[in-house]
Amino acid sequence: MSEALCSIIVPVFNVREFLQRCLLSLKAQTYKNIEIIIVNDGSTDGSMTLCKEFFAQDQNVTFLDQVNSGQGVARNLGVSVASGDYIVFVDADDWIDKELCSDLVSRMNEGPLDFISFGLDFVTQDEKVVHEISRFRFETLSGDAIFKAAMLDDAVLSSPVNKMYRRSFLQEYAIEFPAVRACEDMYFSRAVSFFSSHTAFISKVYYHALIRNNSTSRSIGAVFFNSLIEVIRLESIFLEKNGVAQKYHHLFLAHVSKQIAHALVLAAFRMPVYAEYENVVVKLMGLPERRLANGHDVQALLGIKHKSVLKLAKFPRMLRLMAKILKLMNYSPY
């Protein structure tokens, strides 16, 4: 039997300064039956030129171009041309362990897994690891438990970069990222987990995410919050379309509450203009899903951290003050 082919899909947008380490980590993979798909998302800083120069002698690299549409759309394009049995997503300013493909392909080959999660850490530009997810409380999950875990961010994280996917599974259910500028991972993760029958976890860090102030994942403004609201709407439509909106009503409200709490923390820490921050708080706390989430069945699914943030959000100045105090203590959300 021939070795399984692994497709690594890398969306690229104006990250020339940070590309080198990512590209080196792709070339360093010990598993050799891979294809690398670089999707240029309308870069204007010479990022694609650097990629083409770096891989000039490699035959297993495909270069694609699209008008700037966001990394979710870029990933969709990459998947549409991929030939691999398995799919891995890597952001162009991050890097991966040289054994990622080798170890993950080996684990995927052991059983009928739709996707597999592995550890990742978050690293500052001065090489400081500020957060690490290196252990999972599950070894495997099956059926409905996968979706429930994903909805509550319990081991099945929103991030698509700490996972390997079976391409035939993504194709069978036509799972794609929505065409939004942020929070696209949130929808994709839930769609994957909803349709998945079997998944597994590897408690080892294979992925290193660079924290830089001007990255998409750390940009907080109208685009981010409008995308979050749009994704919540799309998730609601998804549940209705698949006939499970009533079944997962409380779970969905808890999921939305957790996402809103996280967004409020980011806003409190990162939005410089108080009036804009206050408008965001009012807008998010006024969403119908949030107003319906005060019942016991929903609250029972939330942790104390999220409950506390949502209570503080009733007093925006207090939440903002707490963020300032934590900043003085050198804490900030990664």
C-alpha atoms as a PDB file:
ATOM      1  CA  MET A   1       0.000   0.000   0.000  1.00  0.00           C
ATOM      2  CA  SER A   2       1.382   3.409  -0.956  1.00  0.00           C
ATOM      3  CA  GLU A   3       1.879   6.074   1.683  1.00  0.00           C
ATOM      4  CA  ALA A   4      -1.002   8.451   2.287  1.00  0.00           C
ATOM      5  CA  LEU A   5      -0.548  11.902   0.785  1.00  0.00           C
ATOM      6  CA  CYS A   6      -0.774  14.848   3.193  1.00  0.00           C
ATOM      7  CA  SER A   7      -1.794  18.286   1.866  1.00  0.00           C
ATOM      8  CA  ILE A   8      -0.552  21.321   3.810  1.00  0.00           C
ATOM      9  CA  ILE A   9      -2.553  24.454   2.982  1.00  0.00           C
ATOM     10  CA  VAL A  10      -1.041  27.857   3.789  1.00  0.00           C
ATOM     11  CA  PRO A  11      -3.001  31.098   3.249  1.00  0.00           C
ATOM     12  CA  VAL A  12      -0.623  34.045   2.819  1.00  0.00           C
ATOM     13  CA  PHE A  13      -1.408  37.735   3.232  1.00  0.00           C
ATOM     14  CA  ASN A  14       1.301  40.358   3.786  1.00  0.00           C
ATOM     15  CA  VAL A  15       3.502  38.364   6.170  1.00  0.00           C
ATOM     16  CA  ARG A  16       6.839  38.535   4.365  1.00  0.00           C
ATOM     17  CA  GLU A  17       8.609  39.546   7.580  1.00  0.00           C
ATOM     18  CA  PHE A  18       7.478  36.354   9.329  1.00  0.00           C
ATOM     19  CA  LEU A  19       7.394  33.800   6.495  1.00  0.00           C
ATOM     20  CA  GLN A  20      10.876  32.297   6.694  1.00  0.00           C
ATOM     21  CA  ARG A  21      10.371  30.169   9.788  1.00  0.00           C
ATOM     22  CA  CYS A  22       7.044  28.846   8.486  1.00  0.00           C
ATOM     23  CA  LEU A  23       8.523  27.835   5.139  1.00  0.00           C
ATOM     24  CA  LEU A  24      11.528  26.200   6.773  1.00  0.00           C
ATOM     25  CA  SER A  25       9.244  24.120   8.985  1.00  0.00           C
ATOM     26  CA  LEU A  26       7.289  22.918   5.952  1.00  0.00           C
ATOM     27  CA  LYS A  27      10.407  21.868   4.110  1.00  0.00           C
ATOM     28  CA  ALA A  28      11.767  20.147   7.234  1.00  0.00           C
ATOM     29  CA  GLN A  29       8.891  17.640   7.476  1.00  0.00           C
ATOM     30  CA  THR A  30      10.271  14.140   7.969  1.00  0.00           C
ATOM     31  CA  TYR A  31       7.213  12.714   6.228  1.00  0.00           C
ATOM     32  CA  LYS A  32       8.005  13.158   2.546  1.00  0.00           C
ATOM     33  CA  ASN A  33       4.729  12.308   0.815  1.00  0.00           C
ATOM     34  CA  ILE A  34       3.303  15.784   1.159  1.00  0.00           C
ATOM     35  CA  GLU A  35       2.015  18.509  -1.110  1.00  0.00           C
ATOM     36  CA  ILE A  36       2.211  22.154  -0.074  1.00  0.00           C
ATOM     37  CA  ILE A  37      -0.446  24.546  -1.340  1.00  0.00           C
ATOM     38  CA  ILE A  38       0.355  28.230  -0.910  1.00  0.00           C
ATOM     39  CA  VAL A  39      -2.677  30.505  -1.413  1.00  0.00           C
ATOM     40  CA  ASN A  40      -1.823  34.163  -1.962  1.00  0.00           C
ATOM     41  CA  ASP A  41      -4.716  36.159  -0.517  1.00  0.00           C
ATOM     42  CA  GLY A  42      -3.929  39.360  -2.420  1.00  0.00           C
ATOM     43  CA  SER A  43      -0.578  40.134  -0.767  1.00  0.00           C
ATOM     44  CA  THR A  44       1.101  43.413  -1.697  1.00  0.00           C
ATOM     45  CA  ASP A  45       4.374  43.098   0.254  1.00  0.00           C
ATOM     46  CA  GLY A  46       6.190  40.506  -1.855  1.00  0.00           C
ATOM     47  CA  SER A  47       5.168  37.545   0.296  1.00  0.00           C
ATOM     48  CA  MET A  48       4.379  35.361  -2.710  1.00  0.00           C
ATOM     49  CA  THR A  49       7.658  36.217  -4.401  1.00  0.00           C
ATOM     50  CA  LEU A  50       9.503  35.017  -1.317  1.00  0.00           C
ATOM     51  CA  CYS A  51       7.482  31.774  -1.273  1.00  0.00           C
ATOM     52  CA  LYS A  52       8.228  31.061  -4.934  1.00  0.00           C
ATOM     53  CA  GLU A  53      11.934  31.764  -4.473  1.00  0.00           C
ATOM     54  CA  PHE A  54      12.084  29.534  -1.382  1.00  0.00           C
ATOM     55  CA  PHE A  55      10.414  26.582  -3.130  1.00  0.00           C
ATOM     56  CA  ALA A  56      11.967  27.170  -6.571  1.00  0.00           C
ATOM     57  CA  GLN A  57      13.527  23.680  -6.626  1.00  0.00           C
ATOM     58  CA  ASP A  58      10.549  21.816  -5.144  1.00  0.00           C
ATOM     59  CA  GLN A  59       8.074  19.948  -7.321  1.00  0.00           C
ATOM     60  CA  ASN A  60       5.465  19.317  -4.645  1.00  0.00           C
ATOM     61  CA  VAL A  61       4.413  22.948  -4.143  1.00  0.00           C
ATOM     62  CA  THR A  62       1.384  24.590  -5.774  1.00  0.00           C
ATOM     63  CA  PHE A  63       0.888  28.362  -5.842  1.00  0.00           C
ATOM     64  CA  LEU A  64      -2.582  29.894  -6.074  1.00  0.00           C
ATOM     65  CA  ASP A  65      -3.736  33.515  -6.197  1.00  0.00           C
ATOM     66  CA  GLN A  66      -7.004  35.121  -5.194  1.00  0.00           C
ATOM     67  CA  VAL A  67      -8.305  38.635  -4.652  1.00  0.00           C
ATOM     68  CA  ASN A  68      -8.035  39.432  -0.952  1.00  0.00           C
ATOM     69  CA  SER A  69     -11.002  37.628   0.595  1.00  0.00           C
ATOM     70  CA  GLY A  70      -9.764  36.408   3.971  1.00  0.00           C
ATOM     71  CA  GLN A  71      -7.981  33.308   5.147  1.00  0.00           C
ATOM     72  CA  GLY A  72     -11.134  31.185   5.343  1.00  0.00           C
ATOM     73  CA  VAL A  73     -11.845  31.646   1.646  1.00  0.00           C
ATOM     74  CA  ALA A  74      -8.144  31.036   0.926  1.00  0.00           C
ATOM     75  CA  ARG A  75      -8.282  27.738   2.815  1.00  0.00           C
ATOM     76  CA  ASN A  76     -11.387  26.720   0.870  1.00  0.00           C
ATOM     77  CA  LEU A  77      -9.538  27.346  -2.380  1.00  0.00           C
ATOM     78  CA  GLY A  78      -6.615  25.254  -1.164  1.00  0.00           C
ATOM     79  CA  VAL A  79      -8.867  22.357  -0.203  1.00  0.00           C
ATOM     80  CA  SER A  80     -10.622  22.508  -3.594  1.00  0.00           C
ATOM     81  CA  VAL A  81      -7.371  21.685  -5.440  1.00  0.00           C
ATOM     82  CA  ALA A  82      -5.802  19.414  -2.806  1.00  0.00           C
ATOM     83  CA  SER A  83      -5.066  15.798  -3.682  1.00  0.00           C
ATOM     84  CA  GLY A  84      -4.070  14.553  -0.236  1.00  0.00           C
ATOM     85  CA  ASP A  85      -5.762  11.910   1.838  1.00  0.00           C
ATOM     86  CA  TYR A  86      -5.325  14.271   4.777  1.00  0.00           C
ATOM     87  CA  ILE A  87      -5.452  18.057   5.181  1.00  0.00           C
ATOM     88  CA  VAL A  88      -3.424  20.291   7.510  1.00  0.00           C
ATOM     89  CA  PHE A  89      -3.841  24.081   7.755  1.00  0.00           C
ATOM     90  CA  VAL A  90      -0.852  26.259   8.659  1.00  0.00           C
ATOM     91  CA  ASP A  91      -0.973  30.040   8.998  1.00  0.00           C
ATOM     92  CA  ALA A  92       1.919  31.753   7.230  1.00  0.00           C
ATOM     93  CA  ASP A  93       3.325  33.460  10.335  1.00  0.00           C
ATOM     94  CA  ASP A  94       3.331  30.242  12.401  1.00  0.00           C
ATOM     95  CA  TRP A  95       5.484  27.119  12.216  1.00  0.00           C
ATOM     96  CA  ILE A  96       5.146  23.389  12.841  1.00  0.00           C
ATOM     97  CA  ASP A  97       7.188  20.578  14.339  1.00  0.00           C
ATOM     98  CA  LYS A  98       9.111  18.507  11.811  1.00  0.00           C
ATOM     99  CA  GLU A  99       7.326  15.315  12.921  1.00  0.00           C
ATOM    100  CA  LEU A 100       3.793  16.704  12.591  1.00  0.00           C
ATOM    101  CA  CYS A 101       2.843  15.015   9.339  1.00  0.00           C
ATOM    102  CA  SER A 102       4.661  11.781  10.155  1.00  0.00           C
ATOM    103  CA  ASP A 103       3.082  11.312  13.579  1.00  0.00           C
ATOM    104  CA  LEU A 104      -0.403  12.500  12.632  1.00  0.00           C
ATOM    105  CA  VAL A 105      -0.628  10.447   9.436  1.00  0.00           C
ATOM    106  CA  SER A 106       0.438   7.389  11.415  1.00  0.00           C
ATOM    107  CA  ARG A 107      -2.320   8.011  13.980  1.00  0.00           C
ATOM    108  CA  MET A 108      -4.960   8.716  11.327  1.00  0.00           C
ATOM    109  CA  ASN A 109      -4.060   5.457   9.604  1.00  0.00           C
ATOM    110  CA  GLU A 110      -4.730   3.490  12.792  1.00  0.00           C
ATOM    111  CA  GLY A 111      -8.485   3.939  12.687  1.00  0.00           C
ATOM    112  CA  PRO A 112     -11.495   5.509  10.959  1.00  0.00           C
ATOM    113  CA  LEU A 113     -10.944   9.057  12.215  1.00  0.00           C
ATOM    114  CA  ASP A 114     -12.520  12.087  10.566  1.00  0.00           C
ATOM    115  CA  PHE A 115     -10.059  14.464  12.211  1.00  0.00           C
ATOM    116  CA  ILE A 116      -7.531  14.517  15.001  1.00  0.00           C
ATOM    117  CA  SER A 117      -6.514  17.289  17.425  1.00  0.00           C
ATOM    118  CA  PHE A 118      -3.007  17.930  18.723  1.00  0.00           C
ATOM    119  CA  GLY A 119      -1.295  20.421  21.013  1.00  0.00           C
ATOM    120  CA  LEU A 120      -0.219  23.950  20.194  1.00  0.00           C
ATOM    121  CA  ASP A 121       1.400  26.877  21.941  1.00  0.00           C
ATOM    122  CA  PHE A 122       1.361  30.650  21.539  1.00  0.00           C
ATOM    123  CA  VAL A 123       4.723  32.370  21.226  1.00  0.00           C
ATOM    124  CA  THR A 124       5.563  36.091  21.322  1.00  0.00           C
ATOM    125  CA  GLN A 125       7.997  37.701  18.896  1.00  0.00           C
ATOM    126  CA  ASP A 126      10.655  37.589  21.615  1.00  0.00           C
ATOM    127  CA  GLU A 127      10.249  33.778  21.831  1.00  0.00           C
ATOM    128  CA  LYS A 128       8.231  33.669  25.053  1.00  0.00           C
ATOM    129  CA  VAL A 129       5.580  30.954  25.288  1.00  0.00           C
ATOM    130  CA  VAL A 130       2.585  32.675  26.896  1.00  0.00           C
ATOM    131  CA  HIS A 131       0.077  29.847  26.630  1.00  0.00           C
ATOM    132  CA  GLU A 132       0.280  26.155  25.870  1.00  0.00           C
ATOM    133  CA  ILE A 133      -2.352  23.529  25.195  1.00  0.00           C
ATOM    134  CA  SER A 134      -0.405  20.313  25.512  1.00  0.00           C
ATOM    135  CA  ARG A 135      -2.807  17.881  27.152  1.00  0.00           C
ATOM    136  CA  PHE A 136      -6.365  16.795  26.389  1.00  0.00           C
ATOM    137  CA  ARG A 137      -8.710  15.071  28.799  1.00  0.00           C
ATOM    138  CA  PHE A 138      -9.911  12.706  26.079  1.00  0.00           C
ATOM    139  CA  GLU A 139      -8.056  10.176  23.966  1.00  0.00           C
ATOM    140  CA  THR A 140     -10.986   9.633  21.608  1.00  0.00           C
ATOM    141  CA  LEU A 141     -14.562  10.819  21.184  1.00  0.00           C
ATOM    142  CA  SER A 142     -17.415   9.456  19.100  1.00  0.00           C
ATOM    143  CA  GLY A 143     -20.798  10.573  17.857  1.00  0.00           C
ATOM    144  CA  ASP A 144     -22.763  13.296  19.596  1.00  0.00           C
ATOM    145  CA  ALA A 145     -20.056  13.817  22.220  1.00  0.00           C
ATOM    146  CA  ILE A 146     -17.788  15.420  19.599  1.00  0.00           C
ATOM    147  CA  PHE A 147     -20.290  18.183  18.800  1.00  0.00           C
ATOM    148  CA  LYS A 148     -21.058  18.834  22.460  1.00  0.00           C
ATOM    149  CA  ALA A 149     -17.345  19.134  23.245  1.00  0.00           C
ATOM    150  CA  ALA A 150     -16.810  21.531  20.333  1.00  0.00           C
ATOM    151  CA  MET A 151     -19.749  23.740  21.260  1.00  0.00           C
ATOM    152  CA  LEU A 152     -18.283  24.239  24.729  1.00  0.00           C
ATOM    153  CA  ASP A 153     -14.638  24.426  23.570  1.00  0.00           C
ATOM    154  CA  ASP A 154     -13.982  21.334  25.650  1.00  0.00           C
ATOM    155  CA  ALA A 155     -10.854  19.820  24.037  1.00  0.00           C
ATOM    156  CA  VAL A 156     -12.266  20.319  20.511  1.00  0.00           C
ATOM    157  CA  LEU A 157     -11.025  23.863  19.935  1.00  0.00           C
ATOM    158  CA  SER A 158     -12.256  26.322  17.320  1.00  0.00           C
ATOM    159  CA  SER A 159      -8.794  26.579  15.796  1.00  0.00           C
ATOM    160  CA  PRO A 160      -8.338  24.648  12.533  1.00  0.00           C
ATOM    161  CA  VAL A 161      -4.531  24.685  12.791  1.00  0.00           C
ATOM    162  CA  ASN A 162      -4.209  22.143  15.611  1.00  0.00           C
ATOM    163  CA  LYS A 163      -5.950  19.442  13.592  1.00  0.00           C
ATOM    164  CA  MET A 164      -5.493  17.019  10.724  1.00  0.00           C
ATOM    165  CA  TYR A 165      -8.604  16.290   8.653  1.00  0.00           C
ATOM    166  CA  ARG A 166      -9.552  13.429   6.367  1.00  0.00           C
ATOM    167  CA  ARG A 167     -10.150  15.162   3.030  1.00  0.00           C
ATOM    168  CA  SER A 168     -12.867  12.729   1.947  1.00  0.00           C
ATOM    169  CA  PHE A 169     -14.790  13.606   5.120  1.00  0.00           C
ATOM    170  CA  LEU A 170     -14.668  17.355   4.372  1.00  0.00           C
ATOM    171  CA  GLN A 171     -15.772  16.658   0.812  1.00  0.00           C
ATOM    172  CA  GLU A 172     -18.583  14.259   1.748  1.00  0.00           C
ATOM    173  CA  TYR A 173     -20.302  16.883   3.876  1.00  0.00           C
ATOM    174  CA  ALA A 174     -19.197  19.912   1.816  1.00  0.00           C
ATOM    175  CA  ILE A 175     -17.682  21.528   4.916  1.00  0.00           C
ATOM    176  CA  GLU A 176     -16.179  24.943   4.179  1.00  0.00           C
ATOM    177  CA  PHE A 177     -15.179  28.111   5.978  1.00  0.00           C
ATOM    178  CA  PRO A 178     -17.759  30.902   5.660  1.00  0.00           C
ATOM    179  CA  ALA A 179     -16.815  33.972   3.626  1.00  0.00           C
ATOM    180  CA  VAL A 180     -16.300  36.292   6.592  1.00  0.00           C
ATOM    181  CA  ARG A 181     -13.210  38.292   7.573  1.00  0.00           C
ATOM    182  CA  ALA A 182     -12.879  36.924  11.114  1.00  0.00           C
ATOM    183  CA  CYS A 183     -14.291  34.176  13.356  1.00  0.00           C
ATOM    184  CA  GLU A 184     -14.530  31.816  10.365  1.00  0.00           C
ATOM    185  CA  ASP A 185     -12.849  29.128  12.485  1.00  0.00           C
ATOM    186  CA  MET A 186     -15.771  29.166  14.907  1.00  0.00           C
ATOM    187  CA  TYR A 187     -18.265  28.011  12.283  1.00  0.00           C
ATOM    188  CA  PHE A 188     -15.923  25.541  10.597  1.00  0.00           C
ATOM    189  CA  SER A 189     -15.085  23.768  13.858  1.00  0.00           C
ATOM    190  CA  ARG A 190     -18.748  23.252  14.735  1.00  0.00           C
ATOM    191  CA  ALA A 191     -19.635  21.990  11.258  1.00  0.00           C
ATOM    192  CA  VAL A 192     -16.735  19.520  11.375  1.00  0.00           C
ATOM    193  CA  SER A 193     -17.687  18.285  14.835  1.00  0.00           C
ATOM    194  CA  PHE A 194     -21.387  17.993  13.948  1.00  0.00           C
ATOM    195  CA  PHE A 195     -20.773  15.619  11.059  1.00  0.00           C
ATOM    196  CA  SER A 196     -17.850  13.723  12.597  1.00  0.00           C
ATOM    197  CA  SER A 197     -18.316  10.154  13.812  1.00  0.00           C
ATOM    198  CA  HIS A 198     -14.881   9.529  15.333  1.00  0.00           C
ATOM    199  CA  THR A 199     -12.047  11.778  16.478  1.00  0.00           C
ATOM    200  CA  ALA A 200      -8.893  11.442  18.570  1.00  0.00           C
ATOM    201  CA  PHE A 201      -6.450  13.612  20.501  1.00  0.00           C
ATOM    202  CA  ILE A 202      -2.658  13.644  20.783  1.00  0.00           C
ATOM    203  CA  SER A 203      -1.321  15.360  23.894  1.00  0.00           C
ATOM    204  CA  LYS A 204       1.799  16.797  22.330  1.00  0.00           C
ATOM    205  CA  VAL A 205       2.587  20.249  20.940  1.00  0.00           C
ATOM    206  CA  TYR A 206       3.187  20.192  17.193  1.00  0.00           C
ATOM    207  CA  TYR A 207       2.090  23.721  16.262  1.00  0.00           C
ATOM    208  CA  HIS A 208       3.547  27.093  17.256  1.00  0.00           C
ATOM    209  CA  ALA A 209       1.339  30.175  16.816  1.00  0.00           C
ATOM    210  CA  LEU A 210       3.105  33.522  16.653  1.00  0.00           C
ATOM    211  CA  ILE A 211       1.500  36.353  18.602  1.00  0.00           C
ATOM    212  CA  ARG A 212       1.986  39.644  16.779  1.00  0.00           C
ATOM    213  CA  ASN A 213       0.009  42.788  17.382  1.00  0.00           C
ATOM    214  CA  ASN A 214      -1.154  43.387  13.809  1.00  0.00           C
ATOM    215  CA  SER A 215      -2.259  39.839  12.977  1.00  0.00           C
ATOM    216  CA  THR A 216      -5.851  39.118  11.919  1.00  0.00           C
ATOM    217  CA  SER A 217      -6.503  37.037  15.023  1.00  0.00           C
ATOM    218  CA  ARG A 218      -5.543  39.946  17.302  1.00  0.00           C
ATOM    219  CA  SER A 219      -7.227  42.750  15.376  1.00  0.00           C
ATOM    220  CA  ILE A 220     -10.251  44.023  17.262  1.00  0.00           C
ATOM    221  CA  GLY A 221     -12.688  46.370  15.588  1.00  0.00           C
ATOM    222  CA  ALA A 222     -15.889  46.539  13.607  1.00  0.00           C
ATOM    223  CA  VAL A 223     -14.798  43.792  11.201  1.00  0.00           C
ATOM    224  CA  PHE A 224     -14.179  41.345  14.043  1.00  0.00           C
ATOM    225  CA  PHE A 225     -17.432  41.983  15.900  1.00  0.00           C
ATOM    226  CA  ASN A 226     -19.579  42.109  12.764  1.00  0.00           C
ATOM    227  CA  SER A 227     -18.038  38.808  11.672  1.00  0.00           C
ATOM    228  CA  LEU A 228     -18.761  37.283  15.075  1.00  0.00           C
ATOM    229  CA  ILE A 229     -22.404  38.296  14.861  1.00  0.00           C
ATOM    230  CA  GLU A 230     -22.648  36.972  11.289  1.00  0.00           C
ATOM    231  CA  VAL A 231     -21.107  33.637  12.280  1.00  0.00           C
ATOM    232  CA  ILE A 232     -23.577  33.280  15.165  1.00  0.00           C
ATOM    233  CA  ARG A 233     -26.360  33.821  12.615  1.00  0.00           C
ATOM    234  CA  LEU A 234     -24.849  31.245  10.252  1.00  0.00           C
ATOM    235  CA  GLU A 235     -24.533  28.710  13.061  1.00  0.00           C
ATOM    236  CA  SER A 236     -28.201  29.189  13.929  1.00  0.00           C
ATOM    237  CA  ILE A 237     -29.139  28.612  10.287  1.00  0.00           C
ATOM    238  CA  PHE A 238     -26.899  25.517  10.227  1.00  0.00           C
ATOM    239  CA  LEU A 239     -28.711  23.972  13.202  1.00  0.00           C
ATOM    240  CA  GLU A 240     -32.116  24.767  11.692  1.00  0.00           C
ATOM    241  CA  LYS A 241     -31.095  23.343   8.321  1.00  0.00           C
ATOM    242  CA  ASN A 242     -29.960  20.096   9.927  1.00  0.00           C
ATOM    243  CA  GLY A 243     -33.094  19.774  12.041  1.00  0.00           C
ATOM    244  CA  VAL A 244     -31.399  20.001  15.453  1.00  0.00           C
ATOM    245  CA  ALA A 245     -32.068  23.591  16.563  1.00  0.00           C
ATOM    246  CA  GLN A 246     -34.478  22.506  19.294  1.00  0.00           C
ATOM    247  CA  LYS A 247     -32.344  19.558  20.398  1.00  0.00           C
ATOM    248  CA  TYR A 248     -29.293  21.761  20.910  1.00  0.00           C
ATOM    249  CA  HIS A 249     -31.101  24.952  21.948  1.00  0.00           C
ATOM    250  CA  HIS A 250     -29.493  25.298  25.379  1.00  0.00           C
ATOM    251  CA  LEU A 251     -26.121  24.114  24.132  1.00  0.00           C
ATOM    252  CA  PHE A 252     -26.178  26.722  21.350  1.00  0.00           C
ATOM    253  CA  LEU A 253     -27.084  29.518  23.773  1.00  0.00           C
ATOM    254  CA  ALA A 254     -24.233  28.475  26.086  1.00  0.00           C
ATOM    255  CA  HIS A 255     -21.839  28.375  23.130  1.00  0.00           C
ATOM    256  CA  VAL A 256     -22.872  31.874  22.034  1.00  0.00           C
ATOM    257  CA  SER A 257     -22.538  33.157  25.596  1.00  0.00           C
ATOM    258  CA  LYS A 258     -18.998  31.811  25.834  1.00  0.00           C
ATOM    259  CA  GLN A 259     -18.039  33.407  22.523  1.00  0.00           C
ATOM    260  CA  ILE A 260     -19.540  36.735  23.565  1.00  0.00           C
ATOM    261  CA  ALA A 261     -17.714  36.618  26.911  1.00  0.00           C
ATOM    262  CA  HIS A 262     -14.420  36.004  25.129  1.00  0.00           C
ATOM    263  CA  ALA A 263     -15.093  38.827  22.669  1.00  0.00           C
ATOM    264  CA  LEU A 264     -15.938  41.216  25.515  1.00  0.00           C
ATOM    265  CA  VAL A 265     -12.625  40.455  27.212  1.00  0.00           C
ATOM    266  CA  LEU A 266     -10.744  41.139  23.985  1.00  0.00           C
ATOM    267  CA  ALA A 267     -12.639  44.409  23.559  1.00  0.00           C
ATOM    268  CA  ALA A 268     -11.905  45.499  27.136  1.00  0.00           C
ATOM    269  CA  PHE A 269      -8.191  44.868  26.664  1.00  0.00           C
ATOM    270  CA  ARG A 270      -7.625  45.996  23.100  1.00  0.00           C
ATOM    271  CA  MET A 271     -10.071  48.695  22.055  1.00  0.00           C
ATOM    272  CA  PRO A 272      -8.402  52.081  22.722  1.00  0.00           C
ATOM    273  CA  VAL A 273     -11.528  54.269  22.430  1.00  0.00           C
ATOM    274  CA  TYR A 274     -13.944  53.802  25.315  1.00  0.00           C
ATOM    275  CA  ALA A 275     -17.044  54.892  23.395  1.00  0.00           C
ATOM    276  CA  GLU A 276     -16.391  52.260  20.719  1.00  0.00           C
ATOM    277  CA  TYR A 277     -15.789  49.625  23.378  1.00  0.00           C
ATOM    278  CA  GLU A 278     -19.033  50.536  25.148  1.00  0.00           C
ATOM    279  CA  ASN A 279     -20.964  50.305  21.876  1.00  0.00           C
ATOM    280  CA  VAL A 280     -19.580  46.800  21.336  1.00  0.00           C
ATOM    281  CA  VAL A 281     -20.660  45.725  24.827  1.00  0.00           C
ATOM    282  CA  VAL A 282     -24.193  47.014  24.262  1.00  0.00           C
ATOM    283  CA  LYS A 283     -24.403  45.388  20.834  1.00  0.00           C
ATOM    284  CA  LEU A 284     -23.197  41.950  21.948  1.00  0.00           C
ATOM    285  CA  MET A 285     -25.136  41.864  25.199  1.00  0.00           C
ATOM    286  CA  GLY A 286     -28.251  42.862  23.267  1.00  0.00           C
ATOM    287  CA  LEU A 287     -28.136  39.913  20.876  1.00  0.00           C
ATOM    288  CA  PRO A 288     -31.281  37.746  21.143  1.00  0.00           C
ATOM    289  CA  GLU A 289     -29.188  34.634  21.870  1.00  0.00           C
ATOM    290  CA  ARG A 290     -27.537  36.378  24.811  1.00  0.00           C
ATOM    291  CA  ARG A 291     -30.830  37.659  26.238  1.00  0.00           C
ATOM    292  CA  LEU A 292     -32.259  34.124  26.105  1.00  0.00           C
ATOM    293  CA  ALA A 293     -29.284  32.573  27.893  1.00  0.00           C
ATOM    294  CA  ASN A 294     -30.099  33.387  31.506  1.00  0.00           C
ATOM    295  CA  GLY A 295     -31.984  30.209  32.319  1.00  0.00           C
ATOM    296  CA  HIS A 296     -30.586  27.512  34.614  1.00  0.00           C
ATOM    297  CA  ASP A 297     -30.108  24.973  31.805  1.00  0.00           C
ATOM    298  CA  VAL A 298     -27.804  27.353  29.953  1.00  0.00           C
ATOM    299  CA  GLN A 299     -26.012  28.729  32.989  1.00  0.00           C
ATOM    300  CA  ALA A 300     -25.184  25.194  34.114  1.00  0.00           C
ATOM    301  CA  LEU A 301     -23.092  24.771  30.958  1.00  0.00           C
ATOM    302  CA  LEU A 302     -20.979  27.875  31.606  1.00  0.00           C
ATOM    303  CA  GLY A 303     -17.841  28.068  33.730  1.00  0.00           C
ATOM    304  CA  ILE A 304     -17.332  30.629  36.467  1.00  0.00           C
ATOM    305  CA  LYS A 305     -14.980  32.696  34.271  1.00  0.00           C
ATOM    306  CA  HIS A 306     -17.561  33.231  31.552  1.00  0.00           C
ATOM    307  CA  LYS A 307     -20.354  33.858  34.043  1.00  0.00           C
ATOM    308  CA  SER A 308     -18.232  36.505  35.768  1.00  0.00           C
ATOM    309  CA  VAL A 309     -17.387  38.309  32.524  1.00  0.00           C
ATOM    310  CA  LEU A 310     -21.030  38.387  31.466  1.00  0.00           C
ATOM    311  CA  LYS A 311     -22.064  39.795  34.845  1.00  0.00           C
ATOM    312  CA  LEU A 312     -19.341  42.445  34.677  1.00  0.00           C
ATOM    313  CA  ALA A 313     -20.442  43.358  31.155  1.00  0.00           C
ATOM    314  CA  LYS A 314     -23.579  44.860  32.674  1.00  0.00           C
ATOM    315  CA  PHE A 315     -21.183  47.495  34.003  1.00  0.00           C
ATOM    316  CA  PRO A 316     -18.833  48.231  31.048  1.00  0.00           C
ATOM    317  CA  ARG A 317     -16.621  50.604  33.048  1.00  0.00           C
ATOM    318  CA  MET A 318     -16.016  47.933  35.654  1.00  0.00           C
ATOM    319  CA  LEU A 319     -14.998  45.364  33.033  1.00  0.00           C
ATOM    320  CA  ARG A 320     -12.694  47.943  31.457  1.00  0.00           C
ATOM    321  CA  LEU A 321     -11.167  48.728  34.863  1.00  0.00           C
ATOM    322  CA  MET A 322     -10.499  45.052  35.518  1.00  0.00           C
ATOM    323  CA  ALA A 323      -8.710  44.829  32.183  1.00  0.00           C
ATOM    324  CA  LYS A 324      -6.518  47.818  33.056  1.00  0.00           C
ATOM    325  CA  ILE A 325      -5.599  46.278  36.408  1.00  0.00           C
ATOM    326  CA  LEU A 326      -4.675  42.972  34.765  1.00  0.00           C
ATOM    327  CA  LYS A 327      -2.583  44.827  32.174  1.00  0.00           C
ATOM    328  CA  LEU A 328      -0.599  46.410  35.021  1.00  0.00           C
ATOM    329  CA  MET A 329       0.016  42.866  36.273  1.00  0.00           C
ATOM    330  CA  ASN A 330       1.388  41.986  32.793  1.00  0.00           C
ATOM    331  CA  TYR A 331      -1.575  39.819  31.857  1.00  0.00           C
ATOM    332  CA  SER A 332      -3.357  40.001  28.536  1.00  0.00           C
ATOM    333  CA  PRO A 333      -5.508  37.510  26.643  1.00  0.00           C
ATOM    334  CA  TYR A 334      -3.440  35.687  24.058  1.00  0.00           C
END
